[in-house]
Structures are given as C-alpha cells and as structure tokens.
Amino acid sequence: MQITAKDTNAHTALIDGLYTAVDAMNAEAVASFLTDDVIFRLGNFDAISGRKPVEDANASFFTTISAMSHTITGIWSSGDAVFCEGSVHYTRKDQSEHKVPFATRLGLRGGKIADYNVYADISGL
C-alpha cells in the first residue's frame, strides 16, 4: 500500500490503516475498522450488512487472488464522509496481473466505518 496523495487530512491515518489491512488480505484486521452494522458494497455486487458478514465476504474474496496492492493518489473528507481514489494492482492465482482504478467512499460513525462503498471494476479477475 502506498499513499502518493500530496495533501493529507485528519483521515489519512484511517485510509492508511484500512488499506494496509486490505493489502495484507487480513479480513479480521479490515473488520476492526467497521461498525457492527456496517453496510459494504463492492462494485455492482449486492450490499452486505453487518461486520461479520463483511469480514467473511472479504476473507472469501481474498482466497480468489494471490495478492493486491493499492496506490492512493487522493484523499478528501467532508464531515463524516471520507473519499479516496487510486489504483489497485491484483495478482491472480496464476500469477498474471490486473490493474484497475478505484474510488472509495466511507461514511464514518464514532470513528469507525458505517458505510463502505468501493467503486472498481473487478470483472477482469
């Protein structure tokens, strides 16, 4: 995980921690950033509600790839909303690679993620 965003803000540490956990493919660590009633959506998949179901969905996704690495090129926030964008580089199980742009919108409550939306086209995986 790499942050190349020129400007930092109060939520840069949150983005750093979250995407470090994601790139480590550690679903339990990802879940530690979430509220109990989080709503998570990746791309055009159906939304998932609840910390444990989101943890399980991430754990399942992580088994489908060998590795991933995010480069964060921008981080912005407005009130309890945090936005970031960049690129994500996936290594498939056959060791071929796939890179796509992504954007994420996080809605925070009490310092944790209550609304987690990732906009990326992972159909190429």
N, C-alpha and C. Protein backbone atom coordinates (compact mmCIF):
# COMPACT_ATOMS: atom_id res chain seq x y z
N MET A 1 0.85 -1.17 0.00
CA MET A 1 0.00 0.00 0.00
C MET A 1 0.89 1.22 0.00
N GLN A 2 0.54 2.16 -0.82
CA GLN A 2 1.32 3.38 -0.94
C GLN A 2 0.36 4.56 -1.07
N ILE A 3 0.64 5.61 -0.32
CA ILE A 3 -0.13 6.84 -0.45
C ILE A 3 0.76 7.87 -1.14
N THR A 4 0.33 8.31 -2.31
CA THR A 4 1.07 9.34 -3.04
C THR A 4 0.33 10.67 -3.05
N ALA A 5 -0.81 10.73 -2.37
CA ALA A 5 -1.59 11.96 -2.30
C ALA A 5 -0.73 13.07 -1.72
N LYS A 6 -0.78 14.24 -2.34
CA LYS A 6 0.04 15.37 -1.89
C LYS A 6 -0.48 15.97 -0.60
N ASP A 7 -1.79 16.02 -0.47
CA ASP A 7 -2.40 16.61 0.72
C ASP A 7 -2.85 15.51 1.67
N THR A 8 -2.65 15.73 2.94
CA THR A 8 -3.15 14.80 3.94
C THR A 8 -4.24 15.50 4.74
N ASN A 9 -5.03 14.71 5.44
CA ASN A 9 -6.06 15.30 6.28
C ASN A 9 -6.24 14.42 7.51
N ALA A 10 -7.24 14.72 8.29
CA ALA A 10 -7.45 14.01 9.55
C ALA A 10 -7.74 12.53 9.35
N HIS A 11 -8.12 12.13 8.14
CA HIS A 11 -8.48 10.74 7.89
C HIS A 11 -7.41 9.95 7.13
N THR A 12 -6.26 10.56 6.89
CA THR A 12 -5.19 9.86 6.18
C THR A 12 -4.76 8.61 6.94
N ALA A 13 -4.67 8.69 8.26
CA ALA A 13 -4.26 7.52 9.06
C ALA A 13 -5.28 6.39 8.94
N LEU A 14 -6.56 6.74 8.89
CA LEU A 14 -7.61 5.73 8.72
C LEU A 14 -7.45 5.02 7.37
N ILE A 15 -7.27 5.78 6.31
CA ILE A 15 -7.09 5.20 4.97
C ILE A 15 -5.83 4.33 4.95
N ASP A 16 -4.77 4.81 5.55
CA ASP A 16 -3.52 4.04 5.60
C ASP A 16 -3.73 2.71 6.32
N GLY A 17 -4.36 2.75 7.48
CA GLY A 17 -4.59 1.53 8.25
C GLY A 17 -5.52 0.56 7.54
N LEU A 18 -6.61 1.08 6.98
CA LEU A 18 -7.58 0.24 6.29
C LEU A 18 -6.94 -0.45 5.09
N TYR A 19 -6.27 0.31 4.25
CA TYR A 19 -5.71 -0.28 3.03
C TYR A 19 -4.46 -1.11 3.29
N THR A 20 -3.78 -0.87 4.39
CA THR A 20 -2.70 -1.77 4.80
C THR A 20 -3.30 -3.14 5.15
N ALA A 21 -4.42 -3.14 5.86
CA ALA A 21 -5.10 -4.39 6.21
C ALA A 21 -5.65 -5.08 4.96
N VAL A 22 -6.23 -4.30 4.05
CA VAL A 22 -6.77 -4.87 2.80
C VAL A 22 -5.64 -5.52 2.00
N ASP A 23 -4.54 -4.80 1.81
CA ASP A 23 -3.44 -5.33 1.01
C ASP A 23 -2.76 -6.52 1.67
N ALA A 24 -2.84 -6.61 2.99
CA ALA A 24 -2.33 -7.79 3.70
C ALA A 24 -3.32 -8.95 3.59
N MET A 25 -4.48 -8.69 3.00
CA MET A 25 -5.56 -9.66 2.84
C MET A 25 -5.92 -10.26 4.20
N ASN A 26 -6.03 -9.36 5.18
CA ASN A 26 -6.35 -9.73 6.56
C ASN A 26 -7.78 -9.26 6.86
N ALA A 27 -8.74 -10.14 6.63
CA ALA A 27 -10.15 -9.77 6.78
C ALA A 27 -10.49 -9.37 8.21
N GLU A 28 -9.87 -10.01 9.18
CA GLU A 28 -10.14 -9.66 10.59
C GLU A 28 -9.67 -8.24 10.88
N ALA A 29 -8.50 -7.88 10.36
CA ALA A 29 -8.00 -6.52 10.56
C ALA A 29 -8.88 -5.50 9.85
N VAL A 30 -9.36 -5.83 8.65
CA VAL A 30 -10.28 -4.94 7.93
C VAL A 30 -11.53 -4.73 8.78
N ALA A 31 -12.07 -5.81 9.33
CA ALA A 31 -13.29 -5.73 10.13
C ALA A 31 -13.12 -4.86 11.37
N SER A 32 -11.91 -4.74 11.87
CA SER A 32 -11.68 -3.93 13.07
C SER A 32 -11.96 -2.45 12.84
N PHE A 33 -12.03 -2.02 11.59
CA PHE A 33 -12.31 -0.63 11.24
C PHE A 33 -13.82 -0.36 11.10
N LEU A 34 -14.64 -1.40 11.21
CA LEU A 34 -16.06 -1.31 10.86
C LEU A 34 -16.97 -1.26 12.07
N THR A 35 -18.12 -0.58 11.91
CA THR A 35 -19.16 -0.64 12.93
C THR A 35 -19.84 -2.01 12.85
N ASP A 36 -20.56 -2.37 13.90
CA ASP A 36 -21.27 -3.65 13.90
C ASP A 36 -22.32 -3.73 12.80
N ASP A 37 -22.91 -2.58 12.44
CA ASP A 37 -23.99 -2.56 11.44
C ASP A 37 -23.55 -1.97 10.10
N VAL A 38 -22.28 -2.09 9.79
CA VAL A 38 -21.73 -1.55 8.54
C VAL A 38 -22.51 -2.08 7.34
N ILE A 39 -22.58 -1.25 6.32
CA ILE A 39 -23.10 -1.66 5.01
C ILE A 39 -21.95 -1.52 4.02
N PHE A 40 -21.63 -2.62 3.33
CA PHE A 40 -20.49 -2.69 2.42
C PHE A 40 -20.97 -3.04 1.02
N ARG A 41 -20.42 -2.33 0.04
CA ARG A 41 -20.73 -2.65 -1.35
C ARG A 41 -19.45 -2.52 -2.17
N LEU A 42 -19.17 -3.55 -2.96
CA LEU A 42 -18.05 -3.55 -3.89
C LEU A 42 -18.60 -3.60 -5.30
N GLY A 43 -18.26 -2.57 -6.08
CA GLY A 43 -18.69 -2.54 -7.48
C GLY A 43 -20.19 -2.69 -7.62
N ASN A 44 -20.60 -3.57 -8.52
CA ASN A 44 -22.03 -3.76 -8.75
C ASN A 44 -22.59 -4.97 -8.01
N PHE A 45 -21.84 -5.50 -7.05
CA PHE A 45 -22.34 -6.59 -6.22
C PHE A 45 -23.38 -6.06 -5.24
N ASP A 46 -24.21 -6.95 -4.74
CA ASP A 46 -25.20 -6.57 -3.74
C ASP A 46 -24.52 -6.09 -2.46
N ALA A 47 -25.17 -5.18 -1.77
CA ALA A 47 -24.65 -4.68 -0.49
C ALA A 47 -24.70 -5.81 0.54
N ILE A 48 -23.75 -5.76 1.47
CA ILE A 48 -23.67 -6.71 2.58
C ILE A 48 -23.78 -5.91 3.86
N SER A 49 -24.58 -6.38 4.80
CA SER A 49 -24.79 -5.68 6.07
C SER A 49 -24.22 -6.48 7.23
N GLY A 50 -23.53 -5.77 8.12
CA GLY A 50 -23.01 -6.38 9.35
C GLY A 50 -21.53 -6.67 9.28
N ARG A 51 -20.84 -6.42 10.39
CA ARG A 51 -19.39 -6.59 10.44
C ARG A 51 -18.96 -8.01 10.08
N LYS A 52 -19.55 -9.02 10.70
CA LYS A 52 -19.13 -10.41 10.45
C LYS A 52 -19.39 -10.84 9.01
N PRO A 53 -20.57 -10.57 8.43
CA PRO A 53 -20.76 -10.91 7.02
C PRO A 53 -19.77 -10.19 6.09
N VAL A 54 -19.43 -8.94 6.40
CA VAL A 54 -18.45 -8.21 5.58
C VAL A 54 -17.07 -8.84 5.75
N GLU A 55 -16.71 -9.18 6.97
CA GLU A 55 -15.43 -9.86 7.20
C GLU A 55 -15.37 -11.17 6.41
N ASP A 56 -16.44 -11.95 6.47
CA ASP A 56 -16.48 -13.23 5.76
C ASP A 56 -16.40 -13.04 4.24
N ALA A 57 -17.09 -12.02 3.72
CA ALA A 57 -17.05 -11.74 2.28
C ALA A 57 -15.64 -11.35 1.84
N ASN A 58 -14.98 -10.52 2.65
CA ASN A 58 -13.60 -10.14 2.32
C ASN A 58 -12.68 -11.35 2.38
N ALA A 59 -12.82 -12.17 3.40
CA ALA A 59 -11.99 -13.38 3.52
C ALA A 59 -12.19 -14.28 2.31
N SER A 60 -13.43 -14.41 1.87
CA SER A 60 -13.72 -15.23 0.69
C SER A 60 -13.07 -14.64 -0.56
N PHE A 61 -13.20 -13.32 -0.75
CA PHE A 61 -12.59 -12.67 -1.91
C PHE A 61 -11.07 -12.85 -1.89
N PHE A 62 -10.47 -12.71 -0.73
CA PHE A 62 -9.01 -12.81 -0.63
C PHE A 62 -8.50 -14.18 -1.08
N THR A 63 -9.32 -15.22 -0.96
CA THR A 63 -8.89 -16.55 -1.39
C THR A 63 -8.87 -16.68 -2.91
N THR A 64 -9.46 -15.73 -3.63
CA THR A 64 -9.53 -15.83 -5.09
C THR A 64 -8.34 -15.20 -5.79
N ILE A 65 -7.48 -14.52 -5.04
CA ILE A 65 -6.31 -13.85 -5.61
C ILE A 65 -5.07 -14.20 -4.80
N SER A 66 -3.90 -13.95 -5.38
CA SER A 66 -2.65 -14.19 -4.67
C SER A 66 -2.19 -12.98 -3.88
N ALA A 67 -2.46 -11.78 -4.42
CA ALA A 67 -2.01 -10.55 -3.76
C ALA A 67 -2.75 -9.36 -4.35
N MET A 68 -2.68 -8.25 -3.62
CA MET A 68 -3.18 -6.98 -4.13
C MET A 68 -2.38 -5.85 -3.49
N SER A 69 -2.31 -4.74 -4.21
CA SER A 69 -1.59 -3.57 -3.70
C SER A 69 -2.27 -2.31 -4.21
N HIS A 70 -2.65 -1.44 -3.27
CA HIS A 70 -3.31 -0.19 -3.60
C HIS A 70 -2.30 0.96 -3.62
N THR A 71 -2.46 1.86 -4.56
CA THR A 71 -1.78 3.15 -4.57
C THR A 71 -2.86 4.21 -4.44
N ILE A 72 -2.80 4.97 -3.36
CA ILE A 72 -3.80 6.00 -3.08
C ILE A 72 -3.25 7.33 -3.60
N THR A 73 -3.95 7.92 -4.56
CA THR A 73 -3.48 9.17 -5.16
C THR A 73 -4.22 10.40 -4.66
N GLY A 74 -5.33 10.19 -3.95
CA GLY A 74 -6.08 11.32 -3.41
C GLY A 74 -6.91 10.89 -2.22
N ILE A 75 -6.97 11.77 -1.23
CA ILE A 75 -7.80 11.55 -0.04
C ILE A 75 -8.49 12.87 0.28
N TRP A 76 -9.82 12.82 0.44
CA TRP A 76 -10.59 14.01 0.77
C TRP A 76 -11.60 13.65 1.84
N SER A 77 -12.03 14.65 2.58
CA SER A 77 -13.09 14.40 3.55
C SER A 77 -13.99 15.62 3.66
N SER A 78 -15.22 15.33 4.04
CA SER A 78 -16.21 16.37 4.29
C SER A 78 -17.10 15.85 5.42
N GLY A 79 -16.97 16.44 6.58
CA GLY A 79 -17.72 15.96 7.73
C GLY A 79 -17.35 14.53 8.05
N ASP A 80 -18.35 13.65 8.09
CA ASP A 80 -18.13 12.24 8.39
C ASP A 80 -17.96 11.39 7.14
N ALA A 81 -17.73 12.01 6.00
CA ALA A 81 -17.51 11.27 4.75
C ALA A 81 -16.04 11.40 4.34
N VAL A 82 -15.46 10.27 3.97
CA VAL A 82 -14.07 10.23 3.52
C VAL A 82 -14.05 9.59 2.14
N PHE A 83 -13.28 10.17 1.25
CA PHE A 83 -13.18 9.68 -0.12
C PHE A 83 -11.71 9.44 -0.44
N CYS A 84 -11.43 8.38 -1.18
CA CYS A 84 -10.08 8.20 -1.69
C CYS A 84 -10.16 7.57 -3.07
N GLU A 85 -9.09 7.76 -3.83
CA GLU A 85 -9.03 7.17 -5.16
C GLU A 85 -7.60 6.77 -5.45
N GLY A 86 -7.47 5.94 -6.46
CA GLY A 86 -6.14 5.50 -6.86
C GLY A 86 -6.25 4.32 -7.79
N SER A 87 -5.28 3.42 -7.67
CA SER A 87 -5.29 2.21 -8.48
C SER A 87 -5.02 1.01 -7.58
N VAL A 88 -5.51 -0.13 -8.02
CA VAL A 88 -5.27 -1.37 -7.29
C VAL A 88 -4.70 -2.38 -8.27
N HIS A 89 -3.62 -2.99 -7.85
CA HIS A 89 -2.90 -3.96 -8.66
C HIS A 89 -3.13 -5.34 -8.05
N TYR A 90 -3.77 -6.22 -8.80
CA TYR A 90 -4.07 -7.57 -8.34
C TYR A 90 -3.10 -8.56 -8.97
N THR A 91 -2.73 -9.56 -8.21
CA THR A 91 -2.03 -10.72 -8.75
C THR A 91 -2.98 -11.90 -8.64
N ARG A 92 -3.32 -12.46 -9.79
CA ARG A 92 -4.23 -13.60 -9.82
C ARG A 92 -3.51 -14.86 -9.33
N LYS A 93 -4.28 -15.91 -9.11
CA LYS A 93 -3.71 -17.19 -8.66
C LYS A 93 -2.71 -17.76 -9.66
N ASP A 94 -2.90 -17.48 -10.96
CA ASP A 94 -1.96 -17.98 -11.97
C ASP A 94 -0.76 -17.05 -12.13
N GLN A 95 -0.64 -16.06 -11.24
CA GLN A 95 0.44 -15.07 -11.19
C GLN A 95 0.35 -14.01 -12.28
N SER A 96 -0.69 -14.01 -13.10
CA SER A 96 -0.90 -12.91 -14.03
C SER A 96 -1.41 -11.71 -13.23
N GLU A 97 -1.32 -10.54 -13.83
CA GLU A 97 -1.62 -9.31 -13.10
C GLU A 97 -2.76 -8.54 -13.76
N HIS A 98 -3.42 -7.75 -12.93
CA HIS A 98 -4.57 -6.95 -13.39
C HIS A 98 -4.58 -5.67 -12.56
N LYS A 99 -4.59 -4.51 -13.23
CA LYS A 99 -4.59 -3.22 -12.54
C LYS A 99 -5.80 -2.42 -12.98
N VAL A 100 -6.51 -1.84 -12.00
CA VAL A 100 -7.69 -1.03 -12.30
C VAL A 100 -7.72 0.20 -11.41
N PRO A 101 -8.38 1.27 -11.88
CA PRO A 101 -8.62 2.41 -11.00
C PRO A 101 -9.72 2.07 -10.01
N PHE A 102 -9.73 2.76 -8.89
CA PHE A 102 -10.80 2.56 -7.91
C PHE A 102 -11.06 3.88 -7.20
N ALA A 103 -12.22 3.96 -6.58
CA ALA A 103 -12.57 5.06 -5.68
C ALA A 103 -13.37 4.46 -4.54
N THR A 104 -13.20 5.02 -3.37
CA THR A 104 -13.91 4.54 -2.18
C THR A 104 -14.56 5.72 -1.47
N ARG A 105 -15.79 5.49 -1.01
CA ARG A 105 -16.46 6.46 -0.15
C ARG A 105 -16.78 5.76 1.16
N LEU A 106 -16.33 6.37 2.24
CA LEU A 106 -16.58 5.84 3.58
C LEU A 106 -17.45 6.81 4.36
N GLY A 107 -18.48 6.30 4.99
CA GLY A 107 -19.28 7.08 5.92
C GLY A 107 -18.89 6.65 7.33
N LEU A 108 -18.48 7.59 8.14
CA LEU A 108 -17.99 7.27 9.48
C LEU A 108 -19.04 7.54 10.55
N ARG A 109 -18.95 6.75 11.61
CA ARG A 109 -19.76 6.97 12.81
C ARG A 109 -18.90 6.56 14.00
N GLY A 110 -18.66 7.51 14.90
CA GLY A 110 -17.85 7.21 16.07
C GLY A 110 -16.45 6.75 15.74
N GLY A 111 -15.89 7.26 14.64
CA GLY A 111 -14.53 6.92 14.25
C GLY A 111 -14.39 5.60 13.51
N LYS A 112 -15.51 4.91 13.29
CA LYS A 112 -15.48 3.63 12.56
C LYS A 112 -16.28 3.77 11.26
N ILE A 113 -16.07 2.83 10.36
CA ILE A 113 -16.73 2.87 9.05
C ILE A 113 -18.11 2.23 9.17
N ALA A 114 -19.15 3.02 8.89
CA ALA A 114 -20.53 2.53 8.93
C ALA A 114 -21.08 2.30 7.53
N ASP A 115 -20.52 2.97 6.55
CA ASP A 115 -20.96 2.87 5.15
C ASP A 115 -19.70 2.79 4.30
N TYR A 116 -19.52 1.69 3.58
CA TYR A 116 -18.25 1.37 2.92
C TYR A 116 -18.56 1.01 1.47
N ASN A 117 -18.27 1.94 0.56
CA ASN A 117 -18.55 1.74 -0.86
C ASN A 117 -17.26 1.80 -1.66
N VAL A 118 -16.98 0.73 -2.39
CA VAL A 118 -15.80 0.66 -3.24
C VAL A 118 -16.27 0.59 -4.69
N TYR A 119 -15.78 1.52 -5.49
CA TYR A 119 -16.13 1.58 -6.90
C TYR A 119 -14.92 1.12 -7.71
N ALA A 120 -15.00 -0.10 -8.22
CA ALA A 120 -13.93 -0.68 -9.02
C ALA A 120 -14.53 -1.76 -9.91
N ASP A 121 -13.96 -1.93 -11.07
CA ASP A 121 -14.40 -2.99 -11.97
C ASP A 121 -13.46 -4.17 -11.81
N ILE A 122 -13.90 -5.16 -11.06
CA ILE A 122 -13.06 -6.34 -10.84
C ILE A 122 -13.47 -7.51 -11.74
N SER A 123 -14.27 -7.22 -12.76
CA SER A 123 -14.74 -8.29 -13.65
C SER A 123 -13.58 -8.98 -14.38
N GLY A 124 -12.45 -8.30 -14.51
CA GLY A 124 -11.29 -8.88 -15.18
C GLY A 124 -10.53 -9.89 -14.35
N LEU A 125 -10.93 -10.04 -13.10
CA LEU A 125 -10.26 -11.03 -12.26
C LEU A 125 -10.79 -12.42 -12.55
